[in-house]
Every structure is written in C-alpha cells, then in structure tokens.
Amino acid sequence: MSTRDQQKIISPLKYLKSAVNQVVLVKIKDGTEFIGVLEMADHTMNLVLTDCEAIDSNGNKIAKYGKVLIRGSHIVYVSVNYGQVAPEIIH
C-alpha cells in the first residue's frame, strides 16, 4: 500500500462539519465573502454562521449580522481554518 492509501480519506462534508464553532470564510458566487463562526452545516452544504460580517469583492465591509443562512448552491468555497490563517482580520 502506498502512503496515500494508508491515509484516512475524509469527505468534504465531514471536514466541514468538523469546523463547527470555528471561524470560517465563505465566498459566494456574486463575490461577497462572509466571515463568521460556523454554527451548522447540512448535507446540501447550507451553512449557518453567527457573529458574521459581509465583505464585498474589494475587501470593504458591507454589513455585520448576528446570524446568517447561506444556501449551499450559492457557495464557491469555504475556508475552514480562517480564524487561524488570518486572525487579524476577524472582527
């Protein structure tokens, strides 16, 4: 067996669900990014973020929300370790 075969393969959804209660960045199709604490992710990748900020494609803060629901079909990508990668940007 190769090293790759020996590694445990984790599905993207399980990886996303393991990020619950962590700060994530979610980019949606219109270019808007949301930074907040991941509260929930379901099987269609609908996400609920709390203490969330919306940022436009130029990096300007648009709004601050208490809780948002982001539909999975609108998501381009999710950065699940965003609080560790860019802690100076968070709130």
Protein backbone atom coordinates (compact mmCIF):
# COMPACT_ATOMS: atom_id res chain seq x y z
CA MET A 1 0.00 0.00 0.00
CA SER A 2 1.17 3.49 -0.78
CA THR A 3 1.25 6.27 1.78
CA ARG A 4 -1.78 7.82 0.14
CA ASP A 5 -3.79 4.59 0.55
CA GLN A 6 -2.86 4.45 4.22
CA GLN A 7 -4.15 7.96 4.93
CA LYS A 8 -7.70 8.16 6.15
CA ILE A 9 -9.82 9.84 3.50
CA ILE A 10 -12.26 12.38 4.94
CA SER A 11 -15.23 13.55 2.87
CA PRO A 12 -15.50 17.31 2.35
CA LEU A 13 -18.81 17.41 4.22
CA LYS A 14 -17.34 15.64 7.27
CA TYR A 15 -14.39 18.04 7.15
CA LEU A 16 -16.79 20.99 7.03
CA LYS A 17 -18.86 19.65 9.91
CA SER A 18 -15.67 19.24 11.96
CA ALA A 19 -15.23 23.03 11.68
CA VAL A 20 -18.40 23.78 13.69
CA ASN A 21 -17.71 26.51 16.30
CA GLN A 22 -14.67 27.73 14.35
CA VAL A 23 -14.27 30.94 12.35
CA VAL A 24 -14.71 30.32 8.62
CA LEU A 25 -14.71 32.38 5.45
CA VAL A 26 -17.42 31.63 2.88
CA LYS A 27 -17.25 33.08 -0.64
CA ILE A 28 -20.46 33.09 -2.66
CA LYS A 29 -20.98 33.33 -6.42
CA ASP A 30 -21.53 37.12 -6.53
CA GLY A 31 -18.08 37.67 -4.98
CA THR A 32 -19.31 38.52 -1.48
CA GLU A 33 -17.45 36.90 1.40
CA PHE A 34 -18.85 36.12 4.82
CA ILE A 35 -16.64 35.69 7.88
CA GLY A 36 -18.23 34.20 10.96
CA VAL A 37 -18.47 31.29 13.35
CA LEU A 38 -19.83 28.15 11.72
CA GLU A 39 -22.87 27.03 13.69
CA MET A 40 -24.27 24.36 11.39
CA ALA A 41 -23.75 22.63 8.04
CA ASP A 42 -26.25 20.25 6.48
CA HIS A 43 -25.95 17.57 3.77
CA THR A 44 -26.54 20.11 0.95
CA MET A 45 -23.86 22.44 2.38
CA ASN A 46 -26.34 25.03 3.62
CA LEU A 47 -24.44 26.89 6.33
CA VAL A 48 -25.46 28.91 9.36
CA LEU A 49 -22.90 31.47 10.56
CA THR A 50 -23.13 33.55 13.73
CA ASP A 51 -21.36 36.83 14.55
CA CYS A 52 -20.97 37.27 10.82
CA GLU A 53 -19.56 40.07 8.66
CA ALA A 54 -20.16 40.50 4.94
CA ILE A 55 -17.28 41.77 2.80
CA ASP A 56 -17.55 42.83 -0.84
CA SER A 57 -15.19 41.70 -3.61
CA ASN A 58 -12.95 44.73 -2.92
CA GLY A 59 -12.46 43.81 0.73
CA ASN A 60 -14.79 46.50 2.13
CA LYS A 61 -17.09 45.58 5.00
CA ILE A 62 -20.71 45.70 3.87
CA ALA A 63 -22.62 44.73 6.99
CA LYS A 64 -22.48 42.92 10.30
CA TYR A 65 -25.07 40.24 11.06
CA GLY A 66 -25.93 38.25 14.15
CA LYS A 67 -26.83 35.08 12.24
CA VAL A 68 -26.99 34.24 8.54
CA LEU A 69 -28.06 31.26 6.48
CA ILE A 70 -26.06 30.73 3.30
CA ARG A 71 -27.58 28.40 0.75
CA GLY A 72 -25.16 25.70 -0.35
CA SER A 73 -25.85 26.21 -4.06
CA HIS A 74 -24.51 29.79 -3.80
CA ILE A 75 -21.17 28.81 -2.24
CA VAL A 76 -17.96 28.92 -4.27
CA TYR A 77 -15.65 27.84 -1.45
CA VAL A 78 -15.28 27.68 2.32
CA SER A 79 -12.04 28.29 4.22
CA VAL A 80 -12.48 26.28 7.40
CA ASN A 81 -9.31 27.38 9.17
CA TYR A 82 -9.74 31.08 8.53
CA GLY A 83 -9.50 32.05 12.20
CA GLN A 84 -6.04 30.51 12.33
CA VAL A 85 -4.83 31.78 8.95
CA ALA A 86 -5.96 35.43 9.28
CA PRO A 87 -6.72 36.19 12.95
CA GLU A 88 -6.05 39.92 12.49
CA ILE A 89 -8.98 40.25 10.09
CA ILE A 90 -11.55 38.67 12.38
CA HIS A 91 -13.82 41.27 13.98
